[in-house]
C-alpha atoms as a PDB file:
ATOM      1  CA  MET A   1      12.277  14.157  -2.348  1.00  0.00           C
ATOM      2  CA  LYS A   2      11.543  17.040  -4.681  1.00  0.00           C
ATOM      3  CA  GLN A   3       8.248  17.653  -6.403  1.00  0.00           C
ATOM      4  CA  TYR A   4       8.145  18.712 -10.051  1.00  0.00           C
ATOM      5  CA  THR A   5       5.471  20.245 -12.229  1.00  0.00           C
ATOM      6  CA  VAL A   6       5.525  19.367 -15.896  1.00  0.00           C
ATOM      7  CA  ARG A   7       3.680  21.514 -18.414  1.00  0.00           C
ATOM      8  CA  GLY A   8       3.160  21.344 -22.139  1.00  0.00           C
ATOM      9  CA  LEU A   9       2.852  17.576 -22.600  1.00  0.00           C
ATOM     10  CA  SER A  10       1.422  16.512 -25.932  1.00  0.00           C
ATOM     11  CA  ARG A  11      -1.870  14.635 -26.035  1.00  0.00           C
ATOM     12  CA  GLU A  12      -0.007  11.524 -27.185  1.00  0.00           C
ATOM     13  CA  THR A  13       2.341  11.725 -24.179  1.00  0.00           C
ATOM     14  CA  GLU A  14      -0.655  12.124 -21.860  1.00  0.00           C
ATOM     15  CA  ARG A  15      -2.246   9.069 -23.446  1.00  0.00           C
ATOM     16  CA  LYS A  16       0.978   7.068 -23.112  1.00  0.00           C
ATOM     17  CA  ILE A  17       1.150   7.893 -19.405  1.00  0.00           C
ATOM     18  CA  ALA A  18      -2.515   6.966 -18.909  1.00  0.00           C
ATOM     19  CA  ARG A  19      -2.040   3.659 -20.800  1.00  0.00           C
ATOM     20  CA  GLU A  20       1.031   2.851 -18.686  1.00  0.00           C
ATOM     21  CA  ALA A  21      -0.879   3.576 -15.467  1.00  0.00           C
ATOM     22  CA  ARG A  22      -3.865   1.439 -16.521  1.00  0.00           C
ATOM     23  CA  ALA A  23      -1.693  -1.423 -17.754  1.00  0.00           C
ATOM     24  CA  LYS A  24       0.289  -1.583 -14.522  1.00  0.00           C
ATOM     25  CA  GLY A  25      -2.578  -0.646 -12.215  1.00  0.00           C
ATOM     26  CA  VAL A  26      -0.635   2.246 -10.720  1.00  0.00           C
ATOM     27  CA  SER A  27      -1.146   5.958 -10.211  1.00  0.00           C
ATOM     28  CA  LEU A  28      -0.338   8.472 -12.935  1.00  0.00           C
ATOM     29  CA  ASN A  29       2.575   9.668 -10.793  1.00  0.00           C
ATOM     30  CA  ARG A  30       4.042   6.152 -10.497  1.00  0.00           C
ATOM     31  CA  ALA A  31       3.580   5.632 -14.234  1.00  0.00           C
ATOM     32  CA  ILE A  32       5.446   8.865 -14.983  1.00  0.00           C
ATOM     33  CA  VAL A  33       8.287   7.888 -12.650  1.00  0.00           C
ATOM     34  CA  SER A  34       8.416   4.437 -14.244  1.00  0.00           C
ATOM     35  CA  LEU A  35       8.539   5.883 -17.749  1.00  0.00           C
ATOM     36  CA  ILE A  36      11.212   8.434 -16.853  1.00  0.00           C
ATOM     37  CA  GLU A  37      13.395   5.922 -15.028  1.00  0.00           C
ATOM     38  CA  GLY A  38      12.964   3.321 -17.758  1.00  0.00           C
ATOM     39  CA  GLU A  39      13.773   5.767 -20.547  1.00  0.00           C
ATOM     40  CA  GLY A  40      16.635   7.369 -18.653  1.00  0.00           C
ATOM     41  CA  GLY A  41      18.295   4.112 -17.714  1.00  0.00           C
ATOM     42  CA  SER A  42      18.127   4.784 -13.982  1.00  0.00           C
ATOM     43  CA  ALA A  43      15.370   2.299 -13.195  1.00  0.00           C
ATOM     44  CA  GLY A  44      15.715   0.796  -9.765  1.00  0.00           C
ATOM     45  CA  ARG A  45      18.421   3.117  -8.490  1.00  0.00           C
ATOM     46  CA  ARG A  46      16.135   4.907  -6.086  1.00  0.00           C
ATOM     47  CA  THR A  47      15.049   1.712  -4.302  1.00  0.00           C
ATOM     48  CA  GLY A  48      18.287  -0.189  -4.686  1.00  0.00           C
ATOM     49  CA  LYS A  49      16.564  -2.886  -6.730  1.00  0.00           C
ATOM     50  CA  SER A  50      18.053  -4.198  -9.921  1.00  0.00           C
ATOM     51  CA  GLY A  51      16.949  -2.682 -13.205  1.00  0.00           C
ATOM     52  CA  HIS A  52      15.777  -5.989 -14.693  1.00  0.00           C
ATOM     53  CA  LYS A  53      12.559  -5.617 -16.636  1.00  0.00           C
ATOM     54  CA  ASP A  54      12.185  -9.060 -18.215  1.00  0.00           C
ATOM     55  CA  LEU A  55       9.146 -10.043 -16.102  1.00  0.00           C
ATOM     56  CA  ASP A  56       7.437  -6.644 -15.954  1.00  0.00           C
ATOM     57  CA  HIS A  57       4.775  -7.763 -18.433  1.00  0.00           C
ATOM     58  CA  LEU A  58       3.560 -10.234 -15.791  1.00  0.00           C
ATOM     59  CA  PHE A  59       3.311  -7.725 -12.948  1.00  0.00           C
ATOM     60  CA  GLY A  60      -0.199  -6.894 -11.879  1.00  0.00           C
ATOM     61  CA  ILE A  61      -2.067  -9.197 -14.255  1.00  0.00           C
ATOM     62  CA  TRP A  62      -3.377 -11.717 -11.699  1.00  0.00           C
ATOM     63  CA  THR A  63      -6.908 -11.480 -10.436  1.00  0.00           C
ATOM     64  CA  GLU A  64      -7.736 -12.187  -6.793  1.00  0.00           C
ATOM     65  CA  ASP A  65      -8.934 -15.636  -7.896  1.00  0.00           C
ATOM     66  CA  ASP A  66      -5.594 -16.303  -9.637  1.00  0.00           C
ATOM     67  CA  ALA A  67      -3.697 -15.314  -6.501  1.00  0.00           C
ATOM     68  CA  GLY A  68      -5.938 -17.515  -4.345  1.00  0.00           C
ATOM     69  CA  ASP A  69      -5.427 -20.502  -6.655  1.00  0.00           C
ATOM     70  CA  PHE A  70      -1.667 -19.953  -6.550  1.00  0.00           C
ATOM     71  CA  GLU A  71      -1.635 -19.764  -2.742  1.00  0.00           C
ATOM     72  CA  ARG A  72      -3.719 -22.964  -2.462  1.00  0.00           C
ATOM     73  CA  ASP A  73      -1.375 -24.781  -4.856  1.00  0.00           C
ATOM     74  CA  LEU A  74       1.655 -23.637  -2.875  1.00  0.00           C
ATOM     75  CA  GLU A  75       0.069 -24.822   0.359  1.00  0.00           C
ATOM     76  CA  LEU A  76      -0.464 -28.281  -1.150  1.00  0.00           C
ATOM     77  CA  GLN A  77       3.202 -28.408  -2.205  1.00  0.00           C
ATOM     78  CA  ARG A  78       4.369 -27.451   1.288  1.00  0.00           C
ATOM     79  CA  LYS A  79       2.721 -30.456   2.927  1.00  0.00           C
ATOM     80  CA  VAL A  80       5.261 -33.081   3.853  1.00  0.00           C
ATOM     81  CA  ASP A  81       4.484 -36.682   2.997  1.00  0.00           C
ATOM     82  CA  GLU A  82       5.762 -38.331   6.166  1.00  0.00           C
ATOM     83  CA  GLY A  83       5.777 -41.722   4.449  1.00  0.00           C
ATOM     84  CA  LEU A  84       8.572 -40.572   2.146  1.00  0.00           C
ATOM     85  CA  TRP A  85      10.762 -39.439   5.058  1.00  0.00           C
ATOM     86  CA  LYS A  86      10.698 -42.467   7.345  1.00  0.00           C
ATOM     87  CA  THR A  87      14.129 -43.872   7.977  1.00  0.00           C
ATOM     88  CA  ARG A  88      14.883 -47.505   7.398  1.00  0.00           C
ATOM     89  CA  GLY A  89      16.078 -49.196  10.443  1.00  0.00           C
END
């Protein structure tokens, strides 16, 4: 993978990159790649993932407590109620 140096960015572009990084909780480098791929229409090609972006606004917004609550709720749903699965004989 090649490394690039970009010079001469406007202050507004620098701010946009910083906002993107903060919003997504990623490095400045990852934010730049995300912005370039999103703007250029090549998002997802490098990893082979689809370019769908419809749930991106949800990525990275959970706290550790939110994730823990979700995992506990999933665990409750995964428990089998044996009474519902007894066969009639």
